[in-house]
Structures are given as structure tokens and as C-alpha cells.
Amino acid sequence: MITFAWPWLLLLLPLPLLVYWLPKKNTDQVSAALIMPQLIESHSVSETRQTSKKAPLIVLTLCWLLTVLALSQPQWLGDAIDIPTEGREMMIAVDLSGSMQIEDMQLNGNTVNRLNMLKVVLGDFIQRRVGDRLGLILFADDAYMQTPMTFDRKTVKQMLDESVLGLVGQKTAIGDAIGLAVKRFDAKQKSNKVLLLLTDGQNTAGKISPEQALELAIAKDITIYSIGIGADVMLQKSLFGTRRVNPSSELDEQTLTKLAEDTGGKYFRARDGQDMSEIYQLLDQLEPLEQEQQQMRPLTALFYFPVALALLISMFYFLATNFIRFNRK
């Protein structure tokens, strides 16, 4: 909607009419003059003169109205935007190792691989984290920052959806992922620092071990919530028929549990899409969203529109007047 910063200036709009209606000074005085017979002028000349007398008045009136409108500072008041009142930072570290392609997850009645399930369910969780600054780390042989800390949840979700297996190798560098998160968290001191670590294996690569990374996380007061991904049972076909296997045999639950508990967090086990959804709902309770948020409505100045229109009208009238005078000569 349109508002005015100084609406009281709009009271100046009828000022030209007040000046026009002021009583005029009496000039009916008899003076000696040479009376000349009035020439008879044609009807078209009379109309031209009347029009030429009205044109400046119309132009001045329009320019006055536009000038007063600009002085009143018209503004466009945008929709309300929520501003978080509490500084919470949540880093999400996603495993992109080769084992994430195992198709042992059930999502909406379909069998999908671990990464695709994670993209769908984690994407919904990201959309709900209104007011949090989110960051995204992808790790395999190495860990790298895919999305720095931002309030733009849409971008974080998009970067997650665009991630592909094998992008940074086939192994699992859990320690490097935690270390990178600690480094990024350190840039902002006053915040609730939460690391959401999602993996389906154990630490098999990287420059630092999970134990070393844990010490860094404790020193920086970072809470780790770890999630172990993978089903307990999977039917596998072979030459000798179908057999039941445990696709999550390499999941290091002991280390993931220690990482979470020693930092004040919690370890979760996600065996399918339903488990993952319930975990994220529980995380919403453990790390609740800020309820009392401030709001702001962005203002966009519009005064330059009436100013520009007034200048265009004045310029057009000036050019038209000079053009007519030039043709008369």
C-alpha cells in the first residue's frame, strides 16, 4: 500500500485556488487615452488566444500538484518480514560417500537410496527452520562448505537437492566435517551453535579424527545431533537366491553416540523415511524455533515519479512554446 511520510503537506494542494479566488484590486480608473477602434478579430483567433492563456495555467497547476505530491514523500509499504530476535546457527553436515547410494530406504511406499530419502525429508526440515541461520557441509574424502550461514532457507534446500554422490570421493571424513563446522561457527560468538551430522558409515578418511574434532566442538560449546542412516535388514539377490543382509554393518554408532552425548546432544537412528521424519520433529522440540519474532515492513521511496513527471511536462511545454514562436517568425 502507498503511504506518505509527511501527509500534512498535501494541505498545500489547493493553495493556487486560494490565490486565484483572492479579491482582485479595483483598477477601473478613468485615464486619458487615445481610443482606437477595436479591430474585428475572427472566431478562430479568439479561440487560439484563449487556449494560449489557459495552457500556462494548466501546466503550472499540474507541476504544482506533482511537486506537492513529491514533497509529501510517497512510499510503498511492503509486506511484513519476520526478523529473528535470537541468534541460532545450525550447520547441517551431509555424508556423500559411496554407501549413500544403497537402496534400502522406504519413502512413501517406495524403495529409494539413502541420499534421495535424505533430500526429501531433510528438505522439509530446512523449510520449517524459520529464524535460524543455516549452513550446509558436504563431506566424503574431504569436507567442504556448500552453503555458508544464511537465513535463505530456499538456497540451502536447493544446494542440498543439487548435491550428487561421488562429488568429493567415496570415503567418509566425519572428523573433517566436524572440524569445518567448528571453524565456521567460530566467526560468530553469541549464538546457539548446533551441528546436525548425518552419515551412514564410519570415519575412513580425513585429516583429523572424530575424537580430535570432538575436543574442538566441546571447546567451542557446539551441540552435535548425530543421525545414523541405513536399514537393519535388506534382501539381496545372488546366484544362490535371495539372502538377508545388514546394509548398515559399517555404521559406527558408538562414535556417533559419543559425539552427541559429550556435547549435550543426542544420537538418532534412521532406518527409513518415517524414522527420519520423526527425528526431525523431535529436533524441532529440542531446538525450538523462536516464537516471539519482530517484524519489519520495507519502504520504497516513490517521490521521484511525480518529480520526473513534473520535469517532463515542463520540458514538453517549453519545447512546444518555442516551436510555435519559431514557426510564427
Protein backbone atom coordinates (compact mmCIF):
# COMPACT_ATOMS: atom_id res chain seq x y z
CA MET A 1 0.00 0.00 0.00
CA ILE A 2 1.04 3.62 -0.53
CA THR A 3 1.72 5.86 2.47
CA PHE A 4 3.09 9.39 2.93
CA ALA A 5 5.90 10.37 5.26
CA TRP A 6 4.63 13.96 5.50
CA PRO A 7 0.92 13.77 4.61
CA TRP A 8 0.18 17.21 6.11
CA LEU A 9 1.96 18.79 3.13
CA LEU A 10 -0.97 17.66 0.97
CA LEU A 11 -2.91 20.53 2.52
CA LEU A 12 -0.92 22.82 0.21
CA LEU A 13 -2.58 21.33 -2.88
CA PRO A 14 -5.48 23.89 -3.06
CA LEU A 15 -3.16 26.88 -2.47
CA PRO A 16 -3.27 28.03 -6.14
CA LEU A 17 -7.08 28.11 -5.99
CA LEU A 18 -6.98 30.29 -2.87
CA VAL A 19 -4.65 32.70 -4.63
CA TYR A 20 -6.90 32.69 -7.69
CA TRP A 21 -10.01 33.44 -5.61
CA LEU A 22 -8.44 36.28 -3.67
CA PRO A 23 -10.31 39.59 -4.25
CA LYS A 24 -8.61 41.47 -7.03
CA LYS A 25 -7.57 45.09 -6.70
CA ASN A 26 -10.02 47.59 -8.32
CA THR A 27 -8.32 49.00 -11.44
CA ASP A 28 -11.37 50.59 -13.02
CA GLN A 29 -9.88 54.08 -13.20
CA VAL A 30 -10.64 56.61 -15.90
CA SER A 31 -7.44 57.71 -17.56
CA ALA A 32 -6.75 59.81 -20.58
CA ALA A 33 -6.09 57.61 -23.51
CA LEU A 34 -6.31 57.59 -27.22
CA ILE A 35 -9.31 55.45 -28.04
CA MET A 36 -8.75 53.37 -31.15
CA PRO A 37 -11.49 51.50 -32.87
CA GLN A 38 -11.35 47.82 -31.95
CA LEU A 39 -10.45 45.62 -34.81
CA ILE A 40 -12.81 42.82 -35.54
CA GLU A 41 -10.98 39.54 -34.96
CA SER A 42 -12.04 36.21 -36.28
CA HIS A 43 -13.52 33.49 -34.11
CA SER A 44 -10.54 31.18 -34.63
CA VAL A 45 -8.05 33.84 -33.47
CA SER A 46 -10.11 34.43 -30.35
CA GLU A 47 -10.14 30.72 -29.51
CA THR A 48 -6.40 30.46 -30.11
CA ARG A 49 -5.72 33.31 -27.70
CA GLN A 50 -7.98 31.82 -25.07
CA THR A 51 -6.25 28.45 -25.40
CA SER A 52 -2.82 30.05 -25.22
CA LYS A 53 -3.87 31.81 -22.00
CA LYS A 54 -5.16 28.57 -20.41
CA ALA A 55 -2.16 26.40 -21.34
CA PRO A 56 0.35 28.01 -18.92
CA LEU A 57 -2.23 27.83 -16.13
CA ILE A 58 -2.84 24.13 -16.74
CA VAL A 59 0.89 23.36 -16.89
CA LEU A 60 1.63 25.32 -13.72
CA THR A 61 -1.26 23.64 -11.92
CA LEU A 62 -0.06 20.14 -12.85
CA CYS A 63 3.53 20.94 -11.87
CA TRP A 64 2.34 22.35 -8.55
CA LEU A 65 0.26 19.26 -7.77
CA LEU A 66 3.14 16.92 -8.66
CA THR A 67 5.64 18.97 -6.65
CA VAL A 68 3.48 18.93 -3.52
CA LEU A 69 2.92 15.21 -4.01
CA ALA A 70 6.68 14.62 -4.18
CA LEU A 71 7.32 16.79 -1.09
CA SER A 72 4.88 14.68 0.93
CA GLN A 73 7.26 11.71 0.41
CA PRO A 74 5.02 8.96 -1.04
CA GLN A 75 6.26 5.49 -0.10
CA TRP A 76 5.32 1.92 -0.95
CA LEU A 77 4.83 -0.11 2.23
CA GLY A 78 5.72 -3.76 1.54
CA ASP A 79 4.56 -6.96 3.20
CA ALA A 80 5.72 -7.75 6.73
CA ILE A 81 9.00 -9.66 7.04
CA ASP A 82 9.93 -11.65 10.14
CA ILE A 83 13.22 -10.72 11.79
CA PRO A 84 14.72 -13.28 14.15
CA THR A 85 15.32 -11.99 17.67
CA GLU A 86 17.57 -14.86 18.75
CA GLY A 87 20.86 -15.84 17.13
CA ARG A 88 20.77 -19.58 16.41
CA GLU A 89 23.20 -21.15 13.98
CA MET A 90 22.57 -24.64 12.66
CA MET A 91 25.14 -26.34 10.46
CA ILE A 92 24.00 -29.42 8.53
CA ALA A 93 26.72 -31.91 7.53
CA VAL A 94 25.61 -34.47 4.92
CA ASP A 95 27.54 -37.63 4.04
CA LEU A 96 28.10 -38.10 0.27
CA SER A 97 30.18 -41.28 0.48
CA GLY A 98 29.61 -44.18 -1.92
CA SER A 99 27.47 -46.12 0.57
CA MET A 100 24.78 -43.41 0.41
CA GLN A 101 23.67 -44.91 -2.91
CA ILE A 102 22.44 -48.12 -1.25
CA GLU A 103 18.72 -48.53 -1.92
CA ASP A 104 17.48 -49.71 1.46
CA MET A 105 15.20 -46.82 2.48
CA GLN A 106 11.41 -46.76 2.33
CA LEU A 107 9.83 -43.42 1.47
CA ASN A 108 6.09 -43.12 0.80
CA GLY A 109 5.90 -46.83 -0.04
CA ASN A 110 8.82 -46.72 -2.49
CA THR A 111 12.37 -48.01 -2.16
CA VAL A 112 14.94 -45.27 -2.70
CA ASN A 113 18.59 -44.77 -1.93
CA ARG A 114 19.72 -43.09 1.25
CA LEU A 115 20.64 -39.75 -0.29
CA ASN A 116 17.33 -39.30 -2.11
CA MET A 117 15.40 -40.08 1.07
CA LEU A 118 17.54 -37.60 2.97
CA LYS A 119 16.95 -34.85 0.39
CA VAL A 120 13.16 -35.15 0.67
CA VAL A 121 12.83 -35.37 4.46
CA LEU A 122 15.70 -33.02 5.32
CA GLY A 123 14.34 -30.52 2.80
CA ASP A 124 11.07 -30.32 4.74
CA PHE A 125 13.01 -29.81 7.97
CA ILE A 126 15.00 -26.95 6.43
CA GLN A 127 11.83 -25.20 5.31
CA ARG A 128 10.49 -25.24 8.87
CA ARG A 129 13.57 -23.64 10.45
CA VAL A 130 12.28 -20.08 10.16
CA GLY A 131 14.55 -17.66 12.01
CA ASP A 132 17.63 -19.91 12.06
CA ARG A 133 20.83 -19.26 10.17
CA LEU A 134 21.54 -22.48 8.29
CA GLY A 135 24.70 -23.73 6.63
CA LEU A 136 25.38 -26.86 4.56
CA ILE A 137 28.54 -29.02 4.61
CA LEU A 138 29.02 -31.93 2.22
CA PHE A 139 31.69 -34.49 3.03
CA ALA A 140 33.21 -37.74 1.76
CA ASP A 141 37.01 -37.96 1.24
CA ASP A 142 37.09 -34.29 2.27
CA ALA A 143 34.61 -31.82 3.72
CA TYR A 144 33.71 -28.55 2.06
CA MET A 145 31.27 -25.72 2.66
CA GLN A 146 28.43 -25.90 0.17
CA THR A 147 26.38 -23.04 1.66
CA PRO A 148 27.68 -20.53 4.25
CA MET A 149 25.48 -19.47 7.13
CA THR A 150 22.37 -17.74 5.80
CA PHE A 151 18.71 -17.06 6.58
CA ASP A 152 17.91 -18.04 2.98
CA ARG A 153 16.40 -21.49 3.57
CA LYS A 154 15.40 -21.79 -0.07
CA THR A 155 19.03 -21.61 -1.22
CA VAL A 156 20.16 -24.15 1.39
CA LYS A 157 17.48 -26.59 0.23
CA GLN A 158 18.38 -26.01 -3.41
CA MET A 159 22.07 -26.72 -2.75
CA LEU A 160 21.09 -29.92 -0.95
CA ASP A 161 18.88 -31.03 -3.85
CA GLU A 162 21.72 -30.40 -6.32
CA SER A 163 24.25 -32.50 -4.42
CA VAL A 164 25.34 -35.73 -6.12
CA LEU A 165 27.15 -38.85 -4.98
CA GLY A 166 30.86 -39.09 -5.74
CA LEU A 167 31.24 -35.33 -5.77
CA VAL A 168 34.02 -35.39 -3.17
CA GLY A 169 35.04 -39.05 -3.20
CA GLN A 170 33.82 -42.37 -1.83
CA LYS A 171 35.11 -42.47 1.76
CA THR A 172 33.83 -40.77 4.94
CA ALA A 173 35.66 -37.90 6.68
CA ILE A 174 33.50 -37.36 9.76
CA GLY A 175 36.26 -35.61 11.69
CA ASP A 176 36.89 -33.12 8.89
CA ALA A 177 33.17 -32.32 8.67
CA ILE A 178 33.02 -31.51 12.39
CA GLY A 179 36.25 -29.51 12.20
CA LEU A 180 34.97 -27.42 9.30
CA ALA A 181 31.73 -26.72 11.18
CA VAL A 182 33.71 -25.61 14.25
CA LYS A 183 35.74 -23.24 12.08
CA ARG A 184 32.61 -21.69 10.55
CA PHE A 185 30.85 -21.38 13.90
CA ASP A 186 33.82 -19.56 15.40
CA ALA A 187 33.10 -16.48 13.26
CA LYS A 188 30.07 -15.64 15.43
CA GLN A 189 30.48 -15.83 19.21
CA LYS A 190 26.98 -15.06 20.56
CA SER A 191 24.73 -17.78 19.17
CA ASN A 192 23.26 -21.18 19.87
CA LYS A 193 25.56 -23.42 17.83
CA VAL A 194 24.07 -26.69 16.61
CA LEU A 195 25.63 -29.26 14.26
CA LEU A 196 23.35 -31.81 12.61
CA LEU A 197 25.59 -34.68 11.43
CA LEU A 198 24.09 -37.22 9.02
CA THR A 199 26.14 -40.26 7.99
CA ASP A 200 25.75 -43.97 7.20
CA GLY A 201 29.25 -45.21 7.99
CA GLN A 202 32.38 -44.68 10.00
CA ASN A 203 35.35 -42.35 9.73
CA THR A 204 37.64 -43.73 7.00
CA ALA A 205 39.32 -40.55 5.71
CA GLY A 206 40.23 -37.01 6.61
CA LYS A 207 42.99 -35.05 8.27
CA ILE A 208 41.62 -35.18 11.84
CA SER A 209 39.90 -37.94 13.75
CA PRO A 210 36.39 -37.69 15.21
CA GLU A 211 37.92 -37.68 18.70
CA GLN A 212 40.08 -34.65 17.90
CA ALA A 213 37.12 -32.90 16.27
CA LEU A 214 35.04 -33.65 19.38
CA GLU A 215 37.52 -31.78 21.57
CA LEU A 216 37.26 -28.76 19.27
CA ALA A 217 33.46 -28.88 19.37
CA ILE A 218 33.40 -29.05 23.19
CA ALA A 219 35.84 -26.14 23.43
CA LYS A 220 33.59 -24.00 21.20
CA ASP A 221 30.37 -25.05 23.00
CA ILE A 222 28.82 -26.71 19.94
CA THR A 223 25.93 -29.15 20.34
CA ILE A 224 26.04 -32.14 17.97
CA TYR A 225 22.97 -34.12 16.96
CA SER A 226 24.12 -37.18 15.03
CA ILE A 227 21.92 -39.34 12.83
CA GLY A 228 22.89 -42.82 11.65
CA ILE A 229 21.23 -43.65 8.33
CA GLY A 230 20.55 -47.14 6.98
CA ALA A 231 18.20 -50.10 7.30
CA ASP A 232 18.96 -53.11 9.53
CA VAL A 233 17.77 -55.68 7.01
CA MET A 234 17.94 -55.76 3.24
CA LEU A 235 17.10 -58.52 0.77
CA GLN A 236 19.96 -59.10 -1.65
CA LYS A 237 19.74 -61.26 -4.76
CA SER A 238 22.60 -63.53 -5.75
CA LEU A 239 23.30 -66.63 -7.83
CA PHE A 240 22.22 -68.80 -4.93
CA GLY A 241 18.93 -66.96 -4.37
CA THR A 242 17.83 -64.16 -2.09
CA ARG A 243 19.50 -63.61 1.25
CA ARG A 244 19.05 -61.18 4.11
CA VAL A 245 21.97 -58.84 4.80
CA ASN A 246 22.63 -55.92 7.13
CA PRO A 247 23.45 -52.92 4.92
CA SER A 248 24.38 -50.84 7.97
CA SER A 249 27.09 -53.14 9.33
CA GLU A 250 29.74 -50.44 8.93
CA LEU A 251 27.77 -47.76 10.80
CA ASP A 252 29.83 -46.64 13.78
CA GLU A 253 27.02 -45.98 16.25
CA GLN A 254 29.39 -45.95 19.22
CA THR A 255 31.36 -42.96 17.88
CA LEU A 256 28.22 -41.12 16.76
CA THR A 257 26.68 -41.60 20.19
CA LYS A 258 29.79 -40.29 21.93
CA LEU A 259 29.95 -37.24 19.63
CA ALA A 260 26.37 -36.36 20.53
CA GLU A 261 26.32 -37.11 24.25
CA ASP A 262 29.65 -35.41 25.05
CA THR A 263 28.41 -32.16 23.51
CA GLY A 264 24.97 -32.21 25.12
CA GLY A 265 23.21 -33.51 22.03
CA LYS A 266 21.61 -36.81 21.11
CA TYR A 267 22.14 -39.71 18.70
CA PHE A 268 19.28 -40.89 16.46
CA ARG A 269 18.85 -43.94 14.24
CA ALA A 270 17.00 -43.55 10.94
CA ARG A 271 16.07 -46.86 9.32
CA ASP A 272 13.55 -45.41 6.85
CA GLY A 273 11.85 -42.19 5.82
CA GLN A 274 9.32 -42.40 8.66
CA ASP A 275 12.08 -42.61 11.26
CA MET A 276 13.79 -39.61 9.70
CA SER A 277 10.60 -37.53 9.81
CA GLU A 278 10.07 -38.37 13.49
CA ILE A 279 13.69 -37.44 14.25
CA TYR A 280 13.26 -34.01 12.69
CA GLN A 281 10.05 -33.44 14.62
CA LEU A 282 11.90 -34.29 17.82
CA LEU A 283 14.71 -31.91 16.83
CA ASP A 284 12.11 -29.16 16.48
CA GLN A 285 11.27 -29.76 20.13
CA LEU A 286 14.88 -29.99 21.32
CA GLU A 287 15.89 -26.87 19.39
CA PRO A 288 12.58 -24.94 19.23
CA LEU A 289 12.01 -22.13 16.80
CA GLU A 290 11.95 -18.57 18.10
CA GLN A 291 8.29 -17.71 18.68
CA GLU A 292 8.49 -14.00 19.56
CA GLN A 293 9.81 -12.51 16.36
CA GLN A 294 9.99 -8.90 15.35
CA GLN A 295 8.56 -7.79 12.04
CA MET A 296 9.50 -5.09 9.62
CA ARG A 297 7.79 -3.72 6.52
CA PRO A 298 10.17 -2.48 3.83
CA LEU A 299 9.59 1.05 2.49
CA THR A 300 10.32 2.02 -1.11
CA ALA A 301 10.50 5.74 -1.92
CA LEU A 302 8.23 6.89 -4.78
CA PHE A 303 8.84 10.66 -4.76
CA TYR A 304 10.95 10.55 -7.91
CA PHE A 305 7.93 9.54 -10.02
CA PRO A 306 5.98 12.82 -9.56
CA VAL A 307 9.25 14.81 -9.80
CA ALA A 308 10.13 13.16 -13.10
CA LEU A 309 6.60 13.69 -14.44
CA ALA A 310 6.68 17.38 -13.49
CA LEU A 311 10.02 17.83 -15.27
CA LEU A 312 8.72 16.09 -18.38
CA ILE A 313 5.60 18.28 -18.52
CA SER A 314 7.68 21.44 -18.05
CA MET A 315 10.17 20.40 -20.71
CA PHE A 316 7.44 19.47 -23.16
CA TYR A 317 5.65 22.81 -22.64
CA PHE A 318 8.91 24.74 -23.04
CA LEU A 319 9.76 22.98 -26.31
CA ALA A 320 6.21 23.32 -27.66
CA THR A 321 6.09 27.07 -26.86
CA ASN A 322 9.42 27.77 -28.53
CA PHE A 323 8.45 25.69 -31.53
CA ILE A 324 5.27 27.74 -32.02
CA ARG A 325 7.14 31.02 -31.68
CA PHE A 326 9.74 29.89 -34.19
CA ASN A 327 7.07 28.97 -36.74
CA ARG A 328 5.34 32.37 -36.30
CA LYS A 329 8.58 34.15 -37.14
